[in-house]
Amino acid sequence: MKSVAVPFVFVGWVASAAVWAAPVATSEAQTSVAGQVGQLVLGLAFIVGLIFLLGYLMRRIGPLAAQGGQNIRIISSLPLGPRDRLMLVDVAGKQLLLGASPGRISTLHVFDEPIAELPSEGTPGGDFAQKLQALLKRENRP
C-alpha cells in the first residue's frame, strides 16, 4: 500500500510546485532578463533534482532493487519451444532440474550429487569469452 501512495504524493508535490511557479501577471517592462534566467535556472534545478530523487526512490522501492539471490545460480538452460525451457539451477550447493513455462515452474528432479560444474564467479560468461578469444586467434592467423 505504501508504494501505491508514493506516486500520488509526488504528483501532488509537482502540481503544487507548478502552481507556485506560474508567472504572475506583470508588464513586460518589469520583467528583466536576470529574472527570466533565474527562473530558468531554478526550474532546471528543480527538474534535475526530481529526476535524481525518483531514481533514488526507484532503486530503494522499485523493481530495480537488488533482491539478493547470491545462493541461486542458473547453470544451464535449454529452450524446448518458444516459451518453455529446461533449467539446471544450483541452490546452495544442490542442483535442481526445473521445467519453466509462462505460468508455471516445476521441479523435475533434485540431484544428490552435482552433475555440472558451477561457472566461476570471476569470469561471468566465461564460455563466451573463450569462444571469442578462439575466433580472434583463428582470424589473426595467415
Protein backbone atom coordinates (compact mmCIF):
# COMPACT_ATOMS: atom_id res chain seq x y z
CA MET A 1 0.00 0.00 0.00
CA LYS A 2 2.93 2.30 0.71
CA SER A 3 4.30 2.05 -2.84
CA VAL A 4 0.91 3.00 -4.31
CA ALA A 5 0.64 6.15 -2.19
CA VAL A 6 4.15 7.39 -3.03
CA PRO A 7 3.40 8.36 -6.68
CA PHE A 8 0.29 10.31 -5.60
CA VAL A 9 2.34 12.28 -3.09
CA PHE A 10 4.85 13.21 -5.79
CA VAL A 11 2.14 14.13 -8.29
CA GLY A 12 0.62 16.47 -5.70
CA TRP A 13 4.01 17.92 -4.91
CA VAL A 14 4.82 18.55 -8.58
CA ALA A 15 1.38 20.05 -9.20
CA SER A 16 1.75 22.43 -6.26
CA ALA A 17 5.22 23.42 -7.46
CA ALA A 18 3.77 24.15 -10.90
CA VAL A 19 1.16 26.45 -9.33
CA TRP A 20 3.85 28.28 -7.34
CA ALA A 21 5.99 28.66 -10.44
CA ALA A 22 3.11 30.07 -12.51
CA PRO A 23 4.03 33.52 -13.80
CA VAL A 24 2.43 36.45 -12.03
CA ALA A 25 0.67 38.97 -14.29
CA THR A 26 3.26 41.72 -14.77
CA SER A 27 4.00 44.11 -17.53
CA GLU A 28 6.80 43.36 -19.95
CA ALA A 29 8.71 46.40 -18.76
CA GLN A 30 9.01 44.98 -15.25
CA THR A 31 10.42 41.62 -16.28
CA SER A 32 14.14 41.57 -16.64
CA VAL A 33 16.49 39.20 -18.34
CA ALA A 34 18.09 38.33 -15.00
CA GLY A 35 14.70 37.33 -13.60
CA GLN A 36 13.98 35.12 -16.58
CA VAL A 37 17.39 33.47 -16.37
CA GLY A 38 16.94 32.94 -12.64
CA GLN A 39 13.55 31.35 -13.19
CA LEU A 40 15.04 29.14 -15.90
CA VAL A 41 17.90 28.02 -13.65
CA LEU A 42 15.58 27.30 -10.72
CA GLY A 43 13.19 25.34 -12.94
CA LEU A 44 16.05 23.32 -14.40
CA ALA A 45 17.49 22.62 -10.94
CA PHE A 46 14.04 21.50 -9.76
CA ILE A 47 13.63 19.09 -12.69
CA VAL A 48 17.14 17.64 -12.32
CA GLY A 49 16.59 17.23 -8.57
CA LEU A 50 13.28 15.50 -9.24
CA ILE A 51 14.96 13.09 -11.67
CA PHE A 52 17.62 12.18 -9.10
CA LEU A 53 15.01 11.80 -6.35
CA LEU A 54 12.86 9.49 -8.47
CA GLY A 55 15.92 7.47 -9.46
CA TYR A 56 16.85 7.06 -5.81
CA LEU A 57 13.32 6.00 -4.90
CA MET A 58 13.13 3.50 -7.76
CA ARG A 59 16.32 1.85 -6.54
CA ARG A 60 15.00 1.72 -2.98
CA ILE A 61 11.43 0.55 -3.51
CA GLY A 62 11.08 -0.24 -7.20
CA PRO A 63 11.68 -3.35 -9.26
CA LEU A 64 15.31 -2.32 -9.81
CA ALA A 65 16.20 -3.01 -6.16
CA ALA A 66 18.53 -5.97 -5.68
CA GLN A 67 16.68 -8.98 -4.33
CA GLY A 68 19.70 -10.95 -3.17
CA GLY A 69 19.98 -14.31 -4.90
CA GLN A 70 23.65 -14.92 -4.21
CA ASN A 71 22.87 -18.57 -3.40
CA ILE A 72 20.85 -19.24 -6.57
CA ARG A 73 22.54 -19.68 -9.94
CA ILE A 74 21.35 -20.86 -13.31
CA ILE A 75 23.95 -23.32 -14.53
CA SER A 76 22.36 -24.21 -17.84
CA SER A 77 19.21 -23.51 -19.79
CA LEU A 78 17.73 -25.34 -22.78
CA PRO A 79 14.79 -23.92 -24.73
CA LEU A 80 12.16 -26.57 -25.55
CA GLY A 81 9.90 -24.29 -27.52
CA PRO A 82 9.11 -20.62 -27.95
CA ARG A 83 8.04 -20.24 -24.30
CA ASP A 84 9.11 -23.42 -22.47
CA ARG A 85 12.57 -24.33 -21.21
CA LEU A 86 14.55 -26.68 -19.01
CA MET A 87 16.88 -25.11 -16.48
CA LEU A 88 19.60 -26.62 -14.34
CA VAL A 89 19.79 -24.48 -11.20
CA ASP A 90 22.18 -24.58 -8.25
CA VAL A 91 20.62 -23.62 -4.93
CA ALA A 92 23.06 -23.57 -2.01
CA GLY A 93 25.07 -26.47 -3.43
CA LYS A 94 22.11 -28.62 -4.58
CA GLN A 95 21.34 -28.88 -8.26
CA LEU A 96 17.74 -28.96 -9.47
CA LEU A 97 16.28 -29.60 -12.90
CA LEU A 98 13.36 -27.22 -13.44
CA GLY A 99 10.76 -27.01 -16.16
CA ALA A 100 9.71 -23.42 -16.81
CA SER A 101 6.70 -22.30 -18.81
CA PRO A 102 4.94 -18.93 -18.82
CA GLY A 103 2.56 -19.72 -16.00
CA ARG A 104 4.43 -22.34 -14.02
CA ILE A 105 7.80 -23.60 -12.81
CA SER A 106 8.01 -27.28 -11.86
CA THR A 107 10.78 -29.21 -10.13
CA LEU A 108 11.53 -32.19 -12.36
CA HIS A 109 14.45 -33.69 -10.45
CA VAL A 110 16.73 -32.93 -7.49
CA PHE A 111 20.25 -34.28 -7.97
CA ASP A 112 22.07 -35.73 -4.94
CA GLU A 113 25.47 -35.02 -6.45
CA PRO A 114 26.28 -32.11 -8.77
CA ILE A 115 26.16 -33.14 -12.42
CA ALA A 116 27.65 -29.92 -13.81
CA GLU A 117 30.31 -27.54 -12.54
CA LEU A 118 29.36 -24.05 -11.47
CA PRO A 119 30.73 -21.23 -13.62
CA SER A 120 33.50 -19.41 -11.79
CA GLU A 121 32.50 -16.12 -10.15
CA GLY A 122 35.46 -14.19 -11.53
CA THR A 123 34.53 -14.73 -15.18
CA PRO A 124 30.84 -14.33 -15.86
CA GLY A 125 30.11 -15.66 -19.32
CA GLY A 126 33.48 -17.42 -19.45
CA ASP A 127 32.36 -19.67 -22.30
CA PHE A 128 31.64 -16.67 -24.48
CA ALA A 129 34.99 -15.10 -23.64
CA GLN A 130 36.82 -18.32 -24.52
CA LYS A 131 34.95 -18.71 -27.82
CA LEU A 132 35.63 -15.08 -28.72
CA GLN A 133 39.34 -15.47 -27.99
CA ALA A 134 39.45 -18.62 -30.15
CA LEU A 135 37.72 -16.78 -33.02
CA LEU A 136 40.09 -13.82 -32.76
CA LYS A 137 43.14 -16.09 -32.76
CA ARG A 138 41.80 -18.00 -35.75
CA GLU A 139 41.22 -14.77 -37.73
CA ASN A 140 44.72 -13.43 -36.96
CA ARG A 141 46.40 -16.49 -38.48
CA PRO A 142 47.66 -16.00 -42.06
